[in-house]
Amino acid sequence: MATSRFADIQQAPPIEVFHVMKAFSDSTHEKKVNLSVGAYRTDEAKPWVLPVVRKVEAELAADMTLNHEYLPILGLESFSTAAAKMLLGATHPAITEGRMTSVQVLSGTGGLRIAAEFLHRILKYNTFYFSTPTWGNHRLIFTQAGFTDVKQYRYWDGKTKGLDFDGMIEDLQNAPENSVVILHACAHNPTGVDPTQDQWKKIADVMEERKLFPLFDSAYQGFASGDLDKDAWAVRLFAERGFEMIATQSFSKNFGLYNERIGNLMIIVKDPSVIIPMRSQITLLVRGSYSNPPSHGARIVSRVLNDEALFGEWKECIKIMSGRIIEMRKGLQERLEKLGTPGTWNHITAQIGMFSFTGLSAEQSKYLAEKYHIYLLSSGRINMCGLTTGNIDYVAEAINDAVCNVKA
């Protein structure tokens, strides 16, 4: 047999979250629990199509004026404009003064990739910082976009199960000028730990002093607290401080449109005259990547954000989702404390959003999977949506067993 030109390709390392999800899928245990999946689940452990999304989809299906022609390369303008207003506030000076531009992208991941390529290829930036820990895809996206100087700033404090604020500030103070700093707008993934408003102000002070470039990853606006404005507070602070900055928005979680890949890339500048050439460069990046974005999800989000009644219905949906997560946090903490599980568990309710960094070790996580068929990441991160009123007692008792009998 002739030697293949592909013979020297090495097996890529597995992506843990998908490996864990497969293990859950393969399990036949009647009480198995999936705490790894990065998506919302109802109290019946089922995916939820938001009622307002169902309503708009029906309207779109009945609209005979719609077709399947390509969108423009930079997407549906009514969507991207409304998305930016949702993040910044409709009357923000960056919008009213024409210093903001936004384009539709392929959800948060696609937005981050276009942002990274723009920053590296066009602005020639080569150093980027991400939090320790961060979403598993940040590093891969930026290195594949061409960044070679990879840095981290301290974030999680394992002793306090909270934010290592002093470490974060020290690392940012030592960052070289023009470093791109990836910041989680709210509901930090994977820890669920967000800076306080005073801490955000200090972070902004340091980044302004060091001339660092902020890139906000906003994947959970409204989904974290149920309040769109509260979840956008950090982004708006930086915008009001006069930063030139990028923010990427995902509508996977807060609209439940996971497979529609709906996202927005927003850029704020000081000088409106740079927007036209900037958009021209982004156009080339998109054209050479995926050519143009999908329309279905963009039409759904655009119609909801631009219609007062539908917008109100959607806000009720995000309150339902965020409210269920908060209740599961309370329930898990209460049960662990009632069981007398060693350690403190108030960090579960102090954290926010879909994920909780439990503090469980890799060995304890493995124990939960092998003995109880409860599947979570080796970091101890769990998706709070995987908990239900039907399995929360089982999970709490299993965690208690793991903490009592397996060394951290």
Protein backbone atom coordinates (compact mmCIF):
# COMPACT_ATOMS: atom_id res chain seq x y z
CA MET A 1 0.00 0.00 0.00
CA ALA A 2 1.28 3.48 -0.91
CA THR A 3 2.14 5.78 1.97
CA SER A 4 -0.56 8.37 2.57
CA ARG A 5 0.38 12.03 2.60
CA PHE A 6 -1.72 12.20 5.78
CA ALA A 7 0.21 9.48 7.59
CA ASP A 8 2.08 11.82 9.93
CA ILE A 9 -1.01 13.54 11.32
CA GLN A 10 -1.15 13.13 15.09
CA GLN A 11 -4.30 12.38 17.01
CA ALA A 12 -5.63 15.61 18.55
CA PRO A 13 -6.26 15.62 22.30
CA PRO A 14 -9.91 15.00 23.23
CA ILE A 15 -12.18 17.92 24.12
CA GLU A 16 -13.19 17.05 27.65
CA VAL A 17 -16.74 18.34 27.68
CA PHE A 18 -17.68 16.23 24.65
CA HIS A 19 -15.92 13.20 26.10
CA VAL A 20 -17.94 13.57 29.32
CA MET A 21 -21.19 14.08 27.41
CA LYS A 22 -20.57 10.87 25.46
CA ALA A 23 -19.96 8.98 28.70
CA PHE A 24 -23.33 10.25 29.95
CA SER A 25 -25.02 9.26 26.71
CA ASP A 26 -23.52 5.77 26.84
CA SER A 27 -24.55 5.19 30.44
CA THR A 28 -27.64 3.07 31.03
CA HIS A 29 -27.87 3.90 34.74
CA GLU A 30 -31.44 4.88 35.65
CA LYS A 31 -30.32 7.77 37.85
CA LYS A 32 -27.59 9.18 35.59
CA VAL A 33 -27.18 12.98 35.70
CA ASN A 34 -25.50 15.23 33.15
CA LEU A 35 -23.89 18.24 34.84
CA SER A 36 -21.50 18.93 31.96
CA VAL A 37 -23.69 20.15 29.11
CA GLY A 38 -23.42 23.89 28.40
CA ALA A 39 -27.08 24.47 27.71
CA TYR A 40 -30.26 25.27 29.63
CA ARG A 41 -32.49 22.45 30.79
CA THR A 42 -35.97 22.51 32.29
CA ASP A 43 -36.88 20.91 35.60
CA GLU A 44 -37.65 17.81 33.52
CA ALA A 45 -34.03 17.91 32.24
CA LYS A 46 -35.27 18.76 28.74
CA PRO A 47 -34.21 21.48 26.28
CA TRP A 48 -36.60 24.45 26.25
CA VAL A 49 -37.72 26.30 23.15
CA LEU A 50 -38.79 29.70 24.44
CA PRO A 51 -42.51 30.35 23.80
CA VAL A 52 -41.71 33.73 22.24
CA VAL A 53 -39.30 31.99 19.86
CA ARG A 54 -42.01 29.47 18.89
CA LYS A 55 -44.39 32.35 18.23
CA VAL A 56 -41.98 34.26 16.01
CA GLU A 57 -40.96 31.11 14.14
CA ALA A 58 -44.61 30.50 13.30
CA GLU A 59 -44.95 34.06 12.05
CA LEU A 60 -41.84 33.72 9.91
CA ALA A 61 -43.04 30.42 8.45
CA ALA A 62 -46.34 32.05 7.46
CA ASP A 63 -44.68 35.10 5.88
CA MET A 64 -44.68 34.37 2.14
CA THR A 65 -42.54 37.45 1.44
CA LEU A 66 -39.48 35.83 3.03
CA ASN A 67 -37.03 33.78 0.99
CA HIS A 68 -33.70 32.01 1.38
CA GLU A 69 -31.49 34.49 -0.39
CA TYR A 70 -28.08 35.30 1.07
CA LEU A 71 -27.82 37.93 3.76
CA PRO A 72 -25.17 40.62 3.24
CA ILE A 73 -21.67 39.58 4.28
CA LEU A 74 -21.97 41.49 7.57
CA GLY A 75 -25.42 40.12 8.28
CA LEU A 76 -28.87 41.43 9.11
CA GLU A 77 -28.49 45.07 10.09
CA SER A 78 -31.76 45.27 12.05
CA PHE A 79 -30.45 42.43 14.23
CA SER A 80 -26.93 43.74 14.81
CA THR A 81 -28.15 47.26 15.57
CA ALA A 82 -30.73 46.02 18.08
CA ALA A 83 -28.21 43.67 19.69
CA ALA A 84 -25.73 46.49 20.23
CA LYS A 85 -28.44 48.68 21.75
CA MET A 86 -29.37 45.85 24.11
CA LEU A 87 -25.78 45.63 25.33
CA LEU A 88 -24.94 49.34 25.53
CA GLY A 89 -28.35 50.94 26.02
CA ALA A 90 -30.17 52.61 23.12
CA THR A 91 -29.08 56.15 23.99
CA HIS A 92 -25.43 55.45 24.71
CA PRO A 93 -23.14 58.19 23.30
CA ALA A 94 -21.11 55.62 21.34
CA ILE A 95 -24.30 54.89 19.39
CA THR A 96 -25.69 58.42 19.11
CA GLU A 97 -22.30 59.84 18.11
CA GLY A 98 -21.69 57.17 15.47
CA ARG A 99 -18.64 55.68 17.23
CA MET A 100 -20.03 52.15 17.36
CA THR A 101 -20.41 49.57 14.64
CA SER A 102 -21.69 46.02 14.87
CA VAL A 103 -21.96 43.05 12.56
CA GLN A 104 -23.73 39.70 12.72
CA VAL A 105 -21.38 36.77 13.33
CA LEU A 106 -21.55 33.04 14.02
CA SER A 107 -22.52 33.20 17.69
CA GLY A 108 -19.94 33.97 20.37
CA THR A 109 -17.30 31.62 19.00
CA GLY A 110 -17.46 33.09 15.50
CA GLY A 111 -17.46 36.62 16.88
CA LEU A 112 -14.36 35.93 18.94
CA ARG A 113 -12.60 34.40 15.94
CA ILE A 114 -13.34 37.38 13.67
CA ALA A 115 -12.32 39.74 16.51
CA ALA A 116 -9.07 37.84 17.04
CA GLU A 117 -8.21 37.84 13.35
CA PHE A 118 -9.01 41.54 13.08
CA LEU A 119 -6.86 42.41 16.09
CA HIS A 120 -3.95 40.25 14.97
CA ARG A 121 -3.97 40.75 11.20
CA ILE A 122 -5.14 44.34 10.94
CA LEU A 123 -3.98 45.96 14.21
CA LYS A 124 -0.93 43.66 14.48
CA TYR A 125 -1.60 42.80 18.14
CA ASN A 126 0.06 39.57 19.24
CA THR A 127 -0.34 39.28 23.03
CA PHE A 128 -3.58 38.18 24.63
CA TYR A 129 -4.58 37.46 28.21
CA PHE A 130 -7.29 35.16 29.47
CA SER A 131 -8.37 34.34 33.00
CA THR A 132 -7.19 31.27 34.91
CA PRO A 133 -9.45 29.40 34.37
CA THR A 134 -11.52 30.46 31.38
CA TRP A 135 -13.86 28.99 28.78
CA GLY A 136 -11.94 26.18 27.13
CA ASN A 137 -12.21 27.69 23.63
CA HIS A 138 -10.62 31.11 24.26
CA ARG A 139 -7.04 29.97 23.92
CA LEU A 140 -7.71 27.84 20.84
CA ILE A 141 -9.59 30.61 19.03
CA PHE A 142 -6.86 33.19 19.52
CA THR A 143 -3.91 30.93 18.75
CA GLN A 144 -5.57 29.66 15.60
CA ALA A 145 -6.18 33.27 14.59
CA GLY A 146 -2.41 33.83 14.73
CA PHE A 147 -1.67 35.11 18.25
CA THR A 148 1.56 33.59 19.57
CA ASP A 149 2.13 35.42 22.87
CA VAL A 150 -0.30 33.66 25.19
CA LYS A 151 -0.69 35.01 28.73
CA GLN A 152 -2.98 34.38 31.67
CA TYR A 153 -4.16 36.51 34.55
CA ARG A 154 -5.05 35.04 37.92
CA TYR A 155 -8.76 34.78 38.62
CA TRP A 156 -9.96 31.82 40.72
CA ASP A 157 -8.83 31.51 44.32
CA GLY A 158 -9.23 27.88 45.32
CA LYS A 159 -8.88 28.65 49.02
CA THR A 160 -11.68 31.20 49.19
CA LYS A 161 -13.62 29.73 46.24
CA GLY A 162 -13.88 33.28 44.96
CA LEU A 163 -12.04 35.88 42.93
CA ASP A 164 -8.29 36.33 43.30
CA PHE A 165 -8.68 40.05 42.75
CA ASP A 166 -5.22 41.08 43.95
CA GLY A 167 -3.60 38.50 41.69
CA MET A 168 -5.69 39.62 38.73
CA ILE A 169 -4.75 43.26 39.23
CA GLU A 170 -1.06 42.46 39.65
CA ASP A 171 -1.03 40.46 36.42
CA LEU A 172 -2.80 43.21 34.48
CA GLN A 173 -0.41 45.81 35.88
CA ASN A 174 2.46 43.78 34.45
CA ALA A 175 0.86 43.31 31.03
CA PRO A 176 2.59 45.00 28.07
CA GLU A 177 0.87 47.82 26.20
CA ASN A 178 -1.66 46.77 23.55
CA SER A 179 -2.23 43.39 25.12
CA VAL A 180 -5.73 42.11 24.38
CA VAL A 181 -7.50 41.16 27.60
CA ILE A 182 -10.47 38.81 27.35
CA LEU A 183 -13.03 39.74 29.99
CA HIS A 184 -16.25 37.89 30.79
CA ALA A 185 -19.07 40.45 30.75
CA CYS A 186 -21.04 38.52 33.39
CA ALA A 187 -21.47 34.97 34.71
CA HIS A 188 -17.82 34.04 34.32
CA ASN A 189 -17.36 30.65 32.68
CA PRO A 190 -16.43 28.32 34.33
CA THR A 191 -16.33 29.79 37.85
CA GLY A 192 -19.56 31.78 38.08
CA VAL A 193 -17.54 34.39 40.00
CA ASP A 194 -17.85 38.01 38.82
CA PRO A 195 -16.00 41.10 40.07
CA THR A 196 -18.01 43.58 42.11
CA GLN A 197 -18.79 46.97 40.59
CA ASP A 198 -15.97 48.57 42.60
CA GLN A 199 -13.60 45.88 41.42
CA TRP A 200 -14.63 46.46 37.81
CA LYS A 201 -13.77 50.14 38.26
CA LYS A 202 -10.30 49.22 39.48
CA ILE A 203 -9.84 46.82 36.56
CA ALA A 204 -10.78 49.65 34.19
CA ASP A 205 -8.29 51.97 35.94
CA VAL A 206 -5.45 49.52 35.46
CA MET A 207 -6.31 48.74 31.86
CA GLU A 208 -6.51 52.43 31.02
CA GLU A 209 -3.19 53.13 32.74
CA ARG A 210 -1.45 50.19 31.03
CA LYS A 211 -3.11 50.91 27.64
CA LEU A 212 -4.59 47.43 27.39
CA PHE A 213 -7.32 46.50 24.92
CA PRO A 214 -10.57 45.13 26.42
CA LEU A 215 -12.46 42.38 24.62
CA PHE A 216 -15.69 41.48 26.38
CA ASP A 217 -17.19 38.04 25.84
CA SER A 218 -20.90 38.48 26.56
CA ALA A 219 -22.59 35.09 26.39
CA TYR A 220 -25.13 35.40 29.20
CA GLN A 221 -26.75 38.84 29.18
CA GLY A 222 -30.12 38.53 30.92
CA PHE A 223 -29.55 34.83 31.47
CA ALA A 224 -27.26 35.44 34.46
CA SER A 225 -29.39 37.60 36.74
CA GLY A 226 -32.61 37.98 34.78
CA ASP A 227 -31.82 41.70 34.40
CA LEU A 228 -30.42 42.84 31.04
CA ASP A 229 -29.06 46.10 32.42
CA LYS A 230 -27.38 44.53 35.44
CA ASP A 231 -25.65 41.92 33.29
CA ALA A 232 -24.36 44.64 30.93
CA TRP A 233 -22.97 46.85 33.69
CA ALA A 234 -19.28 46.09 33.17
CA VAL A 235 -19.43 46.58 29.39
CA ARG A 236 -21.22 49.89 29.82
CA LEU A 237 -18.68 51.03 32.42
CA PHE A 238 -15.79 50.54 30.00
CA ALA A 239 -17.73 52.22 27.18
CA GLU A 240 -18.52 55.22 29.40
CA ARG A 241 -14.86 55.46 30.40
CA GLY A 242 -13.98 56.05 26.75
CA PHE A 243 -12.23 52.78 25.93
CA GLU A 244 -11.88 51.66 22.36
CA MET A 245 -13.06 48.09 22.72
CA ILE A 246 -14.70 45.02 21.26
CA ALA A 247 -17.60 43.01 22.62
CA THR A 248 -18.94 39.74 21.28
CA GLN A 249 -22.51 38.69 22.00
CA SER A 250 -24.03 35.23 21.86
CA PHE A 251 -27.76 34.56 21.71
CA SER A 252 -27.43 30.82 22.26
CA LYS A 253 -28.24 30.86 25.97
CA ASN A 254 -30.59 33.82 26.42
CA PHE A 255 -32.73 32.91 23.37
CA GLY A 256 -32.13 29.15 23.45
CA LEU A 257 -30.96 29.34 19.83
CA TYR A 258 -27.97 27.08 20.26
CA ASN A 259 -27.81 25.57 16.80
CA GLU A 260 -28.73 28.74 14.90
CA ARG A 261 -25.29 30.29 15.65
CA ILE A 262 -26.53 33.82 16.23
CA GLY A 263 -24.03 36.36 17.49
CA ASN A 264 -23.00 39.97 17.24
CA LEU A 265 -19.59 41.65 17.09
CA MET A 266 -19.59 45.22 18.40
CA ILE A 267 -16.68 47.64 18.15
CA ILE A 268 -16.46 51.05 19.83
CA VAL A 269 -13.95 53.62 18.56
CA LYS A 270 -13.00 57.18 19.40
CA ASP A 271 -13.13 58.50 15.82
CA PRO A 272 -16.20 57.72 13.65
CA SER A 273 -14.14 58.18 10.47
CA VAL A 274 -12.37 54.85 11.01
CA ILE A 275 -15.57 52.81 10.90
CA ILE A 276 -15.93 52.55 7.11
CA PRO A 277 -12.39 51.23 6.49
CA MET A 278 -12.69 49.02 9.57
CA ARG A 279 -15.91 47.44 8.26
CA SER A 280 -14.25 46.90 4.90
CA GLN A 281 -11.51 44.85 6.57
CA ILE A 282 -14.01 42.85 8.59
CA THR A 283 -15.91 42.19 5.35
CA LEU A 284 -12.79 40.57 3.87
CA LEU A 285 -12.24 38.47 7.00
CA VAL A 286 -15.81 37.17 6.90
CA ARG A 287 -15.74 36.65 3.12
CA GLY A 288 -12.64 34.49 3.45
CA SER A 289 -14.11 32.51 6.33
CA TYR A 290 -17.83 31.72 6.06
CA SER A 291 -18.89 34.31 3.45
CA ASN A 292 -22.12 35.36 5.16
CA PRO A 293 -24.14 34.42 8.24
CA PRO A 294 -27.45 32.51 8.53
CA SER A 295 -30.74 34.37 8.52
CA HIS A 296 -33.28 32.32 10.49
CA GLY A 297 -32.07 32.96 14.02
CA ALA A 298 -31.14 36.54 13.20
CA ARG A 299 -34.68 37.22 12.03
CA ILE A 300 -36.07 35.74 15.25
CA VAL A 301 -33.87 37.85 17.52
CA SER A 302 -34.34 40.98 15.41
CA ARG A 303 -38.11 40.70 15.52
CA VAL A 304 -38.14 40.16 19.29
CA LEU A 305 -35.70 42.96 20.13
CA ASN A 306 -37.47 45.44 17.86
CA ASP A 307 -41.05 44.72 18.99
CA GLU A 308 -42.06 46.04 22.40
CA ALA A 309 -44.60 43.30 23.16
CA LEU A 310 -42.36 40.45 22.03
CA PHE A 311 -39.44 41.99 23.91
CA GLY A 312 -41.53 41.95 27.09
CA GLU A 313 -42.41 38.28 26.56
CA TRP A 314 -38.76 37.43 26.05
CA LYS A 315 -37.71 39.19 29.26
CA GLU A 316 -40.16 37.00 31.15
CA CYS A 317 -38.54 33.94 29.58
CA ILE A 318 -35.07 34.91 30.73
CA LYS A 319 -36.41 35.53 34.22
CA ILE A 320 -37.80 32.00 34.25
CA MET A 321 -34.45 30.52 33.18
CA SER A 322 -32.30 32.57 35.53
CA GLY A 323 -34.78 32.04 38.35
CA ARG A 324 -34.64 28.27 38.02
CA ILE A 325 -30.85 28.33 38.14
CA ILE A 326 -30.88 30.48 41.27
CA GLU A 327 -33.32 28.09 42.95
CA MET A 328 -31.10 25.10 42.13
CA ARG A 329 -28.12 26.93 43.64
CA LYS A 330 -30.05 27.53 46.86
CA GLY A 331 -31.28 23.97 46.94
CA LEU A 332 -27.86 22.40 46.49
CA GLN A 333 -26.23 24.57 49.14
CA GLU A 334 -29.04 23.87 51.63
CA ARG A 335 -28.81 20.11 51.11
CA LEU A 336 -25.02 19.95 51.41
CA GLU A 337 -25.10 22.00 54.59
CA LYS A 338 -27.92 19.86 56.01
CA LEU A 339 -25.88 16.72 55.28
CA GLY A 340 -22.92 18.25 57.10
CA THR A 341 -20.71 17.94 54.03
CA PRO A 342 -17.18 19.02 55.02
CA GLY A 343 -16.15 22.50 53.91
CA THR A 344 -18.19 25.60 53.18
CA TRP A 345 -20.77 25.76 50.41
CA ASN A 346 -21.95 29.36 50.36
CA HIS A 347 -19.88 29.90 47.21
CA ILE A 348 -22.55 28.01 45.27
CA THR A 349 -25.09 30.77 45.84
CA ALA A 350 -22.49 33.55 45.72
CA GLN A 351 -21.66 32.54 42.15
CA ILE A 352 -23.93 33.50 39.26
CA GLY A 353 -25.04 32.13 35.93
CA MET A 354 -25.21 28.68 34.44
CA PHE A 355 -21.99 27.26 35.89
CA SER A 356 -20.66 26.67 39.35
CA PHE A 357 -17.07 25.91 40.27
CA THR A 358 -17.84 23.53 43.10
CA GLY A 359 -14.32 23.05 44.42
CA LEU A 360 -14.54 19.29 43.80
CA SER A 361 -11.25 17.74 42.71
CA ALA A 362 -10.61 15.68 39.59
CA GLU A 363 -10.58 12.50 41.69
CA GLN A 364 -13.87 13.40 43.35
CA SER A 365 -15.40 14.19 39.96
CA LYS A 366 -14.21 10.82 38.64
CA TYR A 367 -15.68 9.11 41.71
CA LEU A 368 -19.08 10.72 41.07
CA ALA A 369 -19.07 9.46 37.49
CA GLU A 370 -17.93 5.93 38.29
CA LYS A 371 -20.07 5.27 41.36
CA TYR A 372 -23.14 7.45 40.80
CA HIS A 373 -23.12 8.13 37.04
CA ILE A 374 -23.10 11.86 37.74
CA TYR A 375 -21.05 13.44 34.98
CA LEU A 376 -19.15 16.71 35.37
CA LEU A 377 -15.84 18.17 34.24
CA SER A 378 -12.62 17.20 36.03
CA SER A 379 -12.27 20.84 37.14
CA GLY A 380 -15.35 20.42 39.33
CA ARG A 381 -17.44 22.71 37.12
CA ILE A 382 -21.10 21.81 37.01
CA ASN A 383 -23.99 23.15 34.97
CA MET A 384 -26.63 24.15 37.49
CA CYS A 385 -29.31 23.48 34.87
CA GLY A 386 -28.48 19.79 35.10
CA LEU A 387 -29.99 19.80 38.59
CA THR A 388 -33.73 19.24 38.93
CA THR A 389 -36.16 18.83 41.80
CA GLY A 390 -36.07 15.13 40.92
CA ASN A 391 -32.31 14.59 41.16
CA ILE A 392 -30.96 17.28 43.48
CA ASP A 393 -31.14 15.09 46.59
CA TYR A 394 -29.33 12.26 44.78
CA VAL A 395 -26.63 14.65 43.59
CA ALA A 396 -26.18 16.26 47.02
CA GLU A 397 -25.84 12.88 48.72
CA ALA A 398 -23.34 11.74 46.11
CA ILE A 399 -21.25 14.90 46.51
CA ASN A 400 -21.31 14.42 50.27
CA ASP A 401 -20.03 10.86 49.82
CA ALA A 402 -17.28 12.01 47.44
CA VAL A 403 -16.09 14.82 49.72
CA CYS A 404 -16.12 12.57 52.78
CA ASN A 405 -14.37 9.60 51.20
CA VAL A 406 -12.16 10.85 48.38
CA LYS A 407 -9.17 13.09 48.98
CA ALA A 408 -9.36 16.47 47.28
